[in-house]
Amino acid sequence: MDDNLYLTTYEAALAVVATAMKKARLRIDVLIINSLMGGMLFTTGGMLYDLVRAGFSGINETDPGIINLLQGLCYPLGLFYVVILGVDLFNSNILFFSTALCRGAISFLDLFISWFVSWWFNLVGNIFVCYIICYYSDVARTPLMVVGSVEVTVQKAEATFVETLLKAIAGNFYVCLAIFLQLMAKPLHVKFLMMLLPVFTFVAMGFTHSVADMFLVTMGLINGAPVSVGEVAWKVFLPGAIGNIIGGSFFGVVITWYLHIYVVERDRAALNLPQYELRDEQPELNQDSRVVRKKNSRMEDEMADASKLNDSEESELIQPPEDFYPTPVYDETSIQSYKLTHRKTRDSISSLRTTRRSPKNVFPVYGMGAPLKRERTIAGEISTPAEPMDEKSEEEAEYIGTRLRKAISNRSKMSDLEANKSHSNNGSRRPTPRSSFSGRSSNVGISKLSGGPDPTDSNIDLADIRE
């Protein structure tokens, strides 16, 4: 298997953590826009879902299984658009943040903000598409589309709270499986195939996806479905969201974090298996991370020189150097030796190239300098004594939860300062005893009675000292 195109399950699990760390540092305006676009793009599946139901109404009455299978092929398109463009979807954010929370990479406040904002603005994006794009354009007002959308809404509202909850648990389990599988592949067509299989399964089976229901139910309500908004909120939206959180968190905690991170690292430590430096080669925002094993630095230089010969006939004979492949690190002694060797190598080429330290609160970035201790731990590296200046970094990512806490803290401090200022203004109106010698506060006079000037008074003049 070409490790340039595919990842192991361990690397994919760390990519989930790295992606969550990127999403946690999104500004609130970017998160809102991402969530709006995520909801709008995901409606692609809903539009095709209703179209299949409306266009094959006769087949639905005689052979509903065929319609279910056709509808199962619709939603992978919407999810594919969301993943490739890197926008935010409530269901996939459940996987990212639940795994990263177990890893200690983000806080619960970061998780809550992401889930809360993405759910509500996914809903806003769906409502916009339903009203503006589908309804007012007359696309969804054809007789067949009206009947099909109303039937879907009534069918979903007929289910009980518990039934929808259980279907939502299974639904987001499969969605998280799709997101996890696509992280293992780099080619776009393979990513789509990896998402197609799980999504096709849960849609054909009739499981619940809360963001998908936002379009289906809203479209039915607009077209006059005999269901109230309160009934939809209680029997569709609420159990769907809760069930998706349970199912997605179960996948993120049990499969992604426990089985593919915790168990792997525990076994590696017990057997002293080789360890590799893992780095994110896609650290940019609004795309999923890709965690790979770091290659030896000499390989990069030699391969760069070799790339210049691609147009010549000799380039076909060039083979990667021996240190092209990832270099394992086994134990504490090997780690220190490995670091010493690479430190000498870095010193020898420092005049040619300067490497900046990987930023704080960011998954270790490929091509940057050594990360801090916390980031090394998140990346699965063996704990080592802190290097010089280990706790200092020129760049630091700030998570959205941290920004919120700072805003609240600053507001509280401002209130305290205003209260203290008001109190001091009231206190300044009271007369203050003065010294008969210099007109200053009486503490100077008291110090004279005790034998000399107050050594802490920086305003003592020469006349007082002579006296």
Protein backbone atom coordinates (compact mmCIF):
# COMPACT_ATOMS: atom_id res chain seq x y z
CA MET A 1 0.00 0.00 0.00
CA ASP A 2 1.37 3.42 -0.98
CA ASP A 3 1.71 5.36 2.25
CA ASN A 4 1.53 8.59 0.26
CA LEU A 5 -2.09 7.86 -0.67
CA TYR A 6 -3.48 5.95 2.30
CA LEU A 7 -3.26 6.13 6.09
CA THR A 8 -3.38 3.49 8.79
CA THR A 9 -6.28 3.49 11.23
CA TYR A 10 -3.98 4.95 13.92
CA GLU A 11 -2.94 7.80 11.67
CA ALA A 12 -6.55 8.40 10.64
CA ALA A 13 -7.60 8.52 14.31
CA LEU A 14 -4.94 11.15 15.00
CA ALA A 15 -6.15 13.02 11.91
CA VAL A 16 -9.56 13.19 13.59
CA VAL A 17 -7.90 14.85 16.60
CA ALA A 18 -5.88 17.21 14.41
CA THR A 19 -9.00 18.24 12.48
CA ALA A 20 -10.84 19.00 15.72
CA MET A 21 -7.94 21.19 16.86
CA LYS A 22 -8.25 23.16 13.62
CA LYS A 23 -12.02 23.51 13.96
CA ALA A 24 -11.61 24.64 17.58
CA ARG A 25 -9.50 27.61 16.52
CA LEU A 26 -12.02 28.90 13.98
CA ARG A 27 -13.27 32.40 14.64
CA ILE A 28 -16.96 32.58 15.46
CA ASP A 29 -17.79 34.32 12.16
CA VAL A 30 -15.97 31.62 10.19
CA LEU A 31 -17.73 28.89 12.16
CA ILE A 32 -21.11 30.47 11.42
CA ILE A 33 -20.41 30.79 7.69
CA ASN A 34 -19.00 27.25 7.57
CA SER A 35 -22.13 25.91 9.26
CA LEU A 36 -24.42 27.83 6.92
CA MET A 37 -22.60 26.48 3.89
CA GLY A 38 -22.50 22.99 5.39
CA GLY A 39 -26.27 22.97 5.76
CA MET A 40 -26.79 24.35 2.26
CA LEU A 41 -24.44 21.88 0.59
CA PHE A 42 -25.91 18.93 2.45
CA THR A 43 -29.37 19.75 1.08
CA THR A 44 -28.17 18.21 -2.19
CA GLY A 45 -29.03 14.81 -0.79
CA GLY A 46 -32.41 15.99 0.50
CA MET A 47 -33.45 17.46 -2.83
CA LEU A 48 -32.61 14.24 -4.66
CA TYR A 49 -34.25 12.19 -1.89
CA ASP A 50 -37.58 14.01 -2.37
CA LEU A 51 -37.19 13.86 -6.13
CA VAL A 52 -36.85 10.08 -6.09
CA ARG A 53 -39.87 9.77 -3.80
CA ALA A 54 -41.95 12.07 -6.03
CA GLY A 55 -40.79 10.81 -9.41
CA PHE A 56 -41.26 7.13 -8.63
CA SER A 57 -44.48 7.33 -6.65
CA GLY A 58 -45.96 4.36 -8.49
CA ILE A 59 -42.96 2.16 -7.76
CA ASN A 60 -43.02 3.30 -4.14
CA GLU A 61 -46.48 1.79 -3.72
CA THR A 62 -45.58 -1.57 -5.25
CA ASP A 63 -41.83 -1.94 -4.61
CA PRO A 64 -40.74 0.48 -1.86
CA GLY A 65 -37.43 -1.34 -1.41
CA ILE A 66 -36.24 -0.09 -4.80
CA ILE A 67 -37.01 3.49 -3.79
CA ASN A 68 -35.11 3.04 -0.53
CA LEU A 69 -32.04 1.83 -2.40
CA LEU A 70 -32.20 4.71 -4.87
CA GLN A 71 -32.57 7.22 -2.06
CA GLY A 72 -29.55 5.68 -0.38
CA LEU A 73 -27.43 6.80 -3.33
CA CYS A 74 -28.45 10.45 -2.93
CA TYR A 75 -27.00 11.59 0.38
CA PRO A 76 -23.37 10.60 -0.24
CA LEU A 77 -23.26 13.46 -2.76
CA GLY A 78 -24.10 16.08 -0.15
CA LEU A 79 -21.65 14.66 2.37
CA PHE A 80 -18.93 14.54 -0.30
CA TYR A 81 -19.36 18.25 -1.00
CA VAL A 82 -19.21 19.06 2.70
CA VAL A 83 -16.02 17.06 3.27
CA ILE A 84 -14.13 18.27 0.22
CA LEU A 85 -14.92 21.94 0.88
CA GLY A 86 -14.12 21.59 4.58
CA VAL A 87 -17.29 23.25 5.89
CA ASP A 88 -18.94 22.35 9.18
CA LEU A 89 -21.63 19.72 9.65
CA PHE A 90 -23.12 19.02 13.06
CA ASN A 91 -22.90 15.25 12.66
CA SER A 92 -19.24 15.09 11.67
CA ASN A 93 -18.29 17.62 14.36
CA ILE A 94 -19.60 15.14 16.92
CA LEU A 95 -16.94 12.65 15.80
CA PHE A 96 -14.10 15.18 15.69
CA PHE A 97 -14.73 16.84 19.04
CA SER A 98 -15.67 13.76 21.06
CA THR A 99 -12.42 12.07 20.02
CA ALA A 100 -10.32 15.19 20.63
CA LEU A 101 -11.90 15.71 24.05
CA CYS A 102 -10.86 12.20 25.11
CA ARG A 103 -7.38 12.93 23.80
CA GLY A 104 -7.18 16.12 25.83
CA ALA A 105 -6.66 18.26 22.74
CA ILE A 106 -9.69 20.55 23.21
CA SER A 107 -11.96 21.60 26.07
CA PHE A 108 -15.62 20.84 26.71
CA LEU A 109 -16.43 24.48 26.03
CA ASP A 110 -14.86 24.20 22.57
CA LEU A 111 -16.99 21.12 21.96
CA PHE A 112 -20.21 22.76 23.13
CA ILE A 113 -19.71 25.90 21.04
CA SER A 114 -19.00 23.89 17.89
CA TRP A 115 -21.98 21.59 18.32
CA PHE A 116 -24.38 24.38 19.28
CA VAL A 117 -23.40 26.78 16.49
CA SER A 118 -23.15 24.12 13.78
CA TRP A 119 -26.59 22.64 14.59
CA TRP A 120 -28.43 25.95 14.54
CA PHE A 121 -26.76 27.35 11.45
CA ASN A 122 -27.04 24.04 9.61
CA LEU A 123 -30.77 24.51 10.24
CA VAL A 124 -30.68 28.09 8.94
CA GLY A 125 -28.88 26.95 5.79
CA ASN A 126 -31.48 24.24 5.20
CA ILE A 127 -34.39 26.65 5.70
CA PHE A 128 -32.82 29.10 3.25
CA VAL A 129 -32.52 26.45 0.55
CA CYS A 130 -36.04 25.17 1.19
CA TYR A 131 -37.68 28.59 0.90
CA ILE A 132 -35.51 30.55 -1.53
CA ILE A 133 -33.95 27.92 -3.78
CA CYS A 134 -36.64 25.26 -3.89
CA TYR A 135 -39.98 26.86 -3.03
CA TYR A 136 -39.80 30.34 -4.56
CA SER A 137 -38.11 28.96 -7.67
CA ASP A 138 -41.18 26.71 -8.09
CA VAL A 139 -38.99 23.59 -8.21
CA ALA A 140 -40.59 22.11 -5.09
CA ARG A 141 -44.13 23.28 -5.84
CA THR A 142 -44.89 20.83 -8.61
CA PRO A 143 -47.74 18.44 -7.73
CA LEU A 144 -45.46 15.40 -7.48
CA MET A 145 -42.88 17.21 -5.31
CA VAL A 146 -45.58 18.51 -3.01
CA VAL A 147 -47.04 15.05 -2.51
CA GLY A 148 -43.64 13.43 -2.07
CA SER A 149 -42.33 15.96 0.46
CA VAL A 150 -45.54 15.85 2.48
CA GLU A 151 -45.44 12.04 2.62
CA VAL A 152 -41.85 12.09 3.90
CA THR A 153 -42.67 14.65 6.61
CA VAL A 154 -45.76 12.78 7.81
CA GLN A 155 -43.84 9.51 7.90
CA LYS A 156 -41.09 11.00 10.07
CA ALA A 157 -43.56 12.71 12.42
CA GLU A 158 -45.47 9.46 12.96
CA ALA A 159 -42.48 7.84 14.69
CA THR A 160 -42.32 8.06 18.48
CA PHE A 161 -39.61 9.92 20.38
CA VAL A 162 -37.80 6.71 21.32
CA GLU A 163 -37.99 5.28 17.79
CA THR A 164 -36.45 8.41 16.30
CA LEU A 165 -33.82 8.46 19.05
CA LEU A 166 -32.72 4.89 18.32
CA LYS A 167 -32.68 5.46 14.57
CA ALA A 168 -30.59 8.59 15.11
CA ILE A 169 -28.03 6.66 17.17
CA ALA A 170 -27.53 4.19 14.33
CA GLY A 171 -27.65 6.92 11.70
CA ASN A 172 -24.79 9.00 13.02
CA PHE A 173 -22.75 5.92 13.83
CA TYR A 174 -22.67 5.22 10.09
CA VAL A 175 -21.99 8.86 9.24
CA CYS A 176 -18.99 8.90 11.57
CA LEU A 177 -17.83 5.65 9.99
CA ALA A 178 -17.98 7.36 6.60
CA ILE A 179 -15.98 10.35 7.84
CA PHE A 180 -13.36 8.11 9.46
CA LEU A 181 -12.95 5.91 6.38
CA GLN A 182 -12.53 8.82 3.98
CA LEU A 183 -9.73 10.21 6.15
CA MET A 184 -7.70 7.10 5.33
CA ALA A 185 -7.64 7.90 1.60
CA LYS A 186 -6.17 10.80 -0.35
CA PRO A 187 -7.59 10.31 -3.89
CA LEU A 188 -10.96 12.03 -4.21
CA HIS A 189 -12.69 9.13 -5.94
CA VAL A 190 -11.63 6.78 -3.15
CA LYS A 191 -12.88 9.25 -0.55
CA PHE A 192 -16.27 9.29 -2.26
CA LEU A 193 -16.42 5.50 -2.34
CA MET A 194 -15.53 5.29 1.35
CA MET A 195 -18.38 7.67 2.16
CA LEU A 196 -20.82 6.02 -0.22
CA LEU A 197 -20.83 2.63 1.49
CA PRO A 198 -21.85 3.64 5.06
CA VAL A 199 -24.19 6.47 4.00
CA PHE A 200 -25.95 4.26 1.47
CA THR A 201 -26.50 1.73 4.25
CA PHE A 202 -28.08 4.05 6.81
CA VAL A 203 -30.27 5.96 4.32
CA ALA A 204 -31.60 2.80 2.68
CA MET A 205 -32.39 1.38 6.11
CA GLY A 206 -34.30 4.50 7.12
CA PHE A 207 -32.06 5.62 9.98
CA THR A 208 -32.11 9.26 11.11
CA HIS A 209 -29.70 12.06 10.29
CA SER A 210 -30.64 15.30 12.05
CA VAL A 211 -29.30 17.66 9.37
CA ALA A 212 -30.92 15.61 6.61
CA ASP A 213 -34.26 15.83 8.42
CA MET A 214 -33.90 19.61 8.55
CA PHE A 215 -34.47 19.77 4.80
CA LEU A 216 -36.98 16.95 4.46
CA VAL A 217 -39.26 18.11 7.27
CA THR A 218 -39.00 21.82 6.46
CA MET A 219 -39.85 21.18 2.82
CA GLY A 220 -42.90 19.18 3.86
CA LEU A 221 -44.06 21.91 6.25
CA ILE A 222 -43.76 24.54 3.52
CA ASN A 223 -45.83 22.37 1.19
CA GLY A 224 -48.61 22.04 3.75
CA ALA A 225 -47.94 18.82 5.65
CA PRO A 226 -50.57 18.30 8.41
CA VAL A 227 -47.92 18.48 11.14
CA SER A 228 -47.27 21.32 13.57
CA VAL A 229 -43.89 22.92 14.14
CA GLY A 230 -44.00 21.93 17.81
CA GLU A 231 -44.64 18.30 16.89
CA VAL A 232 -41.71 18.36 14.49
CA ALA A 233 -39.43 19.92 17.11
CA TRP A 234 -40.39 17.35 19.77
CA LYS A 235 -40.67 14.18 17.68
CA VAL A 236 -38.05 14.80 14.97
CA PHE A 237 -35.46 17.47 15.76
CA LEU A 238 -34.87 16.86 19.48
CA PRO A 239 -34.59 13.04 19.47
CA GLY A 240 -32.65 13.23 16.22
CA ALA A 241 -30.04 15.57 17.68
CA ILE A 242 -29.74 13.63 20.95
CA GLY A 243 -29.49 10.30 19.15
CA ASN A 244 -26.88 11.63 16.74
CA ILE A 245 -24.80 12.88 19.67
CA ILE A 246 -25.00 9.48 21.37
CA GLY A 247 -24.20 7.49 18.24
CA GLY A 248 -21.43 9.80 17.03
CA SER A 249 -19.84 10.11 20.46
CA PHE A 250 -19.93 6.33 20.89
CA PHE A 251 -18.06 5.93 17.62
CA GLY A 252 -15.59 8.69 18.48
CA VAL A 253 -14.86 7.46 22.00
CA VAL A 254 -14.94 3.69 21.54
CA ILE A 255 -13.71 3.10 18.00
CA THR A 256 -11.62 6.14 17.15
CA TRP A 257 -10.06 7.01 20.51
CA TYR A 258 -10.06 3.79 22.53
CA LEU A 259 -9.48 1.10 19.89
CA HIS A 260 -7.29 3.03 17.46
CA ILE A 261 -5.39 5.42 19.73
CA TYR A 262 -5.36 4.29 23.35
CA VAL A 263 -5.09 0.54 22.72
CA VAL A 264 -2.44 1.00 20.02
CA GLU A 265 -0.25 3.24 22.19
CA ARG A 266 -0.68 1.01 25.24
CA ASP A 267 0.47 -2.03 23.27
CA ARG A 268 3.35 -0.09 21.73
CA ALA A 269 4.56 0.99 25.16
CA ALA A 270 4.22 -2.51 26.62
CA LEU A 271 6.19 -4.20 23.83
CA ASN A 272 8.58 -1.31 23.12
CA LEU A 273 7.49 -1.26 19.49
CA PRO A 274 9.00 1.37 17.18
CA GLN A 275 7.61 4.87 17.43
CA TYR A 276 7.42 7.39 14.61
CA GLU A 277 7.14 11.13 14.59
CA LEU A 278 3.67 11.95 13.28
CA ARG A 279 2.93 15.29 11.67
CA ASP A 280 -0.02 16.99 10.02
CA GLU A 281 0.81 17.71 6.39
CA GLN A 282 -2.49 19.56 5.83
CA PRO A 283 -2.59 22.09 8.71
CA GLU A 284 -4.61 24.69 6.79
CA LEU A 285 -8.11 25.55 7.97
CA ASN A 286 -11.25 24.33 6.24
CA GLN A 287 -9.92 20.97 5.19
CA ASP A 288 -9.47 17.71 7.03
CA SER A 289 -6.03 17.04 8.47
CA ARG A 290 -3.78 14.31 7.13
CA VAL A 291 -1.37 12.88 9.70
CA VAL A 292 1.66 11.11 8.25
CA ARG A 293 4.95 9.73 9.49
CA LYS A 294 7.73 12.25 9.33
CA LYS A 295 10.57 11.39 6.96
CA ASN A 296 14.26 12.00 7.57
CA SER A 297 15.31 15.56 6.76
CA ARG A 298 18.11 14.43 4.40
CA MET A 299 15.55 12.65 2.29
CA GLU A 300 13.72 15.91 1.64
CA ASP A 301 16.86 17.60 0.32
CA GLU A 302 17.84 14.68 -1.90
CA MET A 303 14.34 14.23 -3.26
CA ALA A 304 14.15 17.95 -4.00
CA ASP A 305 17.35 17.67 -6.04
CA ALA A 306 16.03 14.56 -7.75
CA SER A 307 12.80 16.30 -8.71
CA LYS A 308 14.80 18.68 -10.91
CA LEU A 309 15.73 15.73 -13.11
CA ASN A 310 12.17 14.59 -13.78
CA ASP A 311 12.35 15.66 -17.42
CA SER A 312 15.55 13.73 -18.11
CA GLU A 313 15.88 10.06 -18.96
CA GLU A 314 18.07 9.49 -15.92
CA SER A 315 15.22 10.35 -13.57
CA GLU A 316 13.67 6.94 -14.19
CA LEU A 317 16.67 5.29 -12.53
CA ILE A 318 16.61 7.41 -9.38
CA GLN A 319 15.66 5.47 -6.27
CA PRO A 320 14.75 6.95 -2.89
CA PRO A 321 17.63 7.04 -0.42
CA GLU A 322 17.68 4.61 2.45
CA ASP A 323 16.41 7.21 4.89
CA PHE A 324 13.41 8.01 2.69
CA TYR A 325 11.36 5.80 4.93
CA PRO A 326 10.17 6.84 8.41
CA THR A 327 12.77 6.35 11.12
CA PRO A 328 11.49 4.50 14.20
CA VAL A 329 12.33 5.57 17.74
CA TYR A 330 12.31 2.73 20.29
CA ASP A 331 13.18 3.71 23.84
CA GLU A 332 14.30 6.64 25.96
CA THR A 333 17.98 6.17 25.08
CA SER A 334 17.21 5.94 21.40
CA ILE A 335 15.08 9.04 21.63
CA GLN A 336 17.86 11.08 23.23
CA SER A 337 20.40 9.78 20.69
CA TYR A 338 17.96 10.49 17.88
CA LYS A 339 17.39 14.03 19.12
CA LEU A 340 21.14 14.63 19.58
CA THR A 341 21.89 13.46 16.04
CA HIS A 342 19.17 15.59 14.54
CA ARG A 343 20.16 18.57 16.67
CA LYS A 344 23.70 18.36 15.30
CA THR A 345 22.34 18.02 11.79
CA ARG A 346 20.09 21.03 12.27
CA ASP A 347 23.00 23.05 13.66
CA SER A 348 25.14 22.18 10.66
CA ILE A 349 22.56 23.46 8.20
CA SER A 350 21.23 26.33 10.29
CA SER A 351 22.99 28.79 8.01
CA LEU A 352 21.00 27.45 5.07
CA ARG A 353 17.58 27.04 6.56
CA THR A 354 15.78 28.09 9.75
CA THR A 355 12.90 25.98 11.08
CA ARG A 356 10.25 27.64 13.18
CA ARG A 357 8.73 25.76 16.07
CA SER A 358 5.33 24.18 15.47
CA PRO A 359 2.72 26.52 17.03
CA LYS A 360 1.11 25.92 20.39
CA ASN A 361 -2.40 24.38 20.42
CA VAL A 362 -1.83 23.06 16.90
CA PHE A 363 -1.23 19.42 16.00
CA PRO A 364 2.49 19.12 15.12
CA VAL A 365 2.93 20.47 11.60
CA TYR A 366 4.97 18.72 8.94
CA GLY A 367 7.97 20.81 7.91
CA MET A 368 8.11 22.89 11.09
CA GLY A 369 10.33 22.61 14.13
CA ALA A 370 9.81 20.48 17.22
CA PRO A 371 6.42 20.99 18.90
CA LEU A 372 5.86 21.68 22.57
CA LYS A 373 5.44 18.91 25.13
CA ARG A 374 1.63 18.97 25.13
CA GLU A 375 1.43 18.82 21.34
CA ARG A 376 3.98 15.99 21.25
CA THR A 377 1.81 14.03 23.67
CA ILE A 378 -1.30 14.61 21.55
CA ALA A 379 0.64 13.33 18.54
CA GLY A 380 1.44 10.13 20.44
CA GLU A 381 5.13 10.69 21.06
CA ILE A 382 6.84 9.26 24.15
CA SER A 383 7.13 11.79 26.95
CA THR A 384 10.65 13.18 27.24
CA PRO A 385 12.28 15.83 29.44
CA ALA A 386 11.45 19.33 28.32
CA GLU A 387 13.88 20.79 25.83
CA PRO A 388 15.33 24.28 26.31
CA MET A 389 12.67 26.93 25.74
CA ASP A 390 10.13 24.13 25.43
CA GLU A 391 7.34 26.19 26.89
CA LYS A 392 7.99 29.18 24.65
CA SER A 393 6.60 29.45 21.18
CA GLU A 394 6.40 32.35 18.80
CA GLU A 395 2.98 31.33 17.49
CA GLU A 396 -0.04 30.08 19.42
CA ALA A 397 -3.48 29.11 18.16
CA GLU A 398 -6.34 30.38 20.27
CA TYR A 399 -9.42 28.18 20.54
CA ILE A 400 -12.91 29.58 20.37
CA GLY A 401 -13.66 28.46 23.93
CA THR A 402 -10.57 30.27 25.18
CA ARG A 403 -11.63 33.45 23.40
CA LEU A 404 -15.06 33.22 25.02
CA ARG A 405 -13.57 32.72 28.48
CA LYS A 406 -11.26 35.69 27.95
CA ALA A 407 -14.15 37.87 26.82
CA ILE A 408 -16.16 36.95 29.92
CA SER A 409 -13.11 37.42 32.16
CA ASN A 410 -12.27 40.81 30.64
CA ARG A 411 -15.85 41.96 31.05
CA SER A 412 -15.76 40.90 34.71
CA LYS A 413 -12.46 42.72 35.24
CA MET A 414 -13.86 45.88 33.65
CA SER A 415 -16.84 45.73 35.99
CA ASP A 416 -14.53 45.35 38.99
CA LEU A 417 -12.36 48.26 37.86
CA GLU A 418 -15.40 50.48 37.41
CA ALA A 419 -16.65 49.52 40.87
CA ASN A 420 -13.24 50.22 42.44
CA LYS A 421 -12.99 53.52 40.60
CA SER A 422 -16.41 54.56 41.84
CA HIS A 423 -15.47 53.54 45.39
CA SER A 424 -12.18 55.45 45.25
CA ASN A 425 -13.93 58.56 43.95
CA ASN A 426 -16.32 58.46 46.90
CA GLY A 427 -13.45 57.94 49.31
CA SER A 428 -11.40 60.83 47.87
CA ARG A 429 -13.99 63.36 49.06
CA ARG A 430 -13.13 62.69 52.71
CA PRO A 431 -10.53 65.08 54.29
CA THR A 432 -7.09 63.56 54.76
CA PRO A 433 -4.89 64.56 57.75
CA ARG A 434 -1.93 66.62 56.61
CA SER A 435 1.51 67.22 58.09
CA SER A 436 2.13 70.73 59.43
CA PHE A 437 5.64 70.69 57.97
CA SER A 438 5.11 70.04 54.27
CA GLY A 439 1.39 69.75 53.65
CA ARG A 440 1.65 66.05 52.71
CA SER A 441 -0.17 63.18 54.31
CA SER A 442 0.39 62.73 58.02
CA ASN A 443 2.34 59.52 57.62
CA VAL A 444 5.45 61.62 57.10
CA GLY A 445 4.84 63.45 60.33
CA ILE A 446 4.32 60.18 62.12
CA SER A 447 7.60 58.87 60.77
CA LYS A 448 9.35 61.98 62.10
CA LEU A 449 7.97 61.38 65.56
CA SER A 450 9.36 57.89 65.43
CA GLY A 451 12.82 59.17 64.68
CA GLY A 452 13.16 59.99 61.00
CA PRO A 453 11.58 60.13 57.57
CA ASP A 454 9.64 57.24 56.17
CA PRO A 455 12.10 55.26 54.03
CA THR A 456 9.25 54.08 51.79
CA ASP A 457 8.13 57.62 50.96
CA SER A 458 9.68 58.44 47.58
CA ASN A 459 8.47 62.05 47.79
CA ILE A 460 10.57 63.09 50.86
CA ASP A 461 12.32 66.35 50.12
CA LEU A 462 15.66 67.59 51.39
CA ALA A 463 14.12 70.07 53.84
CA ASP A 464 12.38 67.29 55.74
CA ILE A 465 15.60 65.31 55.99
CA ARG A 466 17.54 68.28 57.40
CA GLU A 467 14.85 68.86 60.01
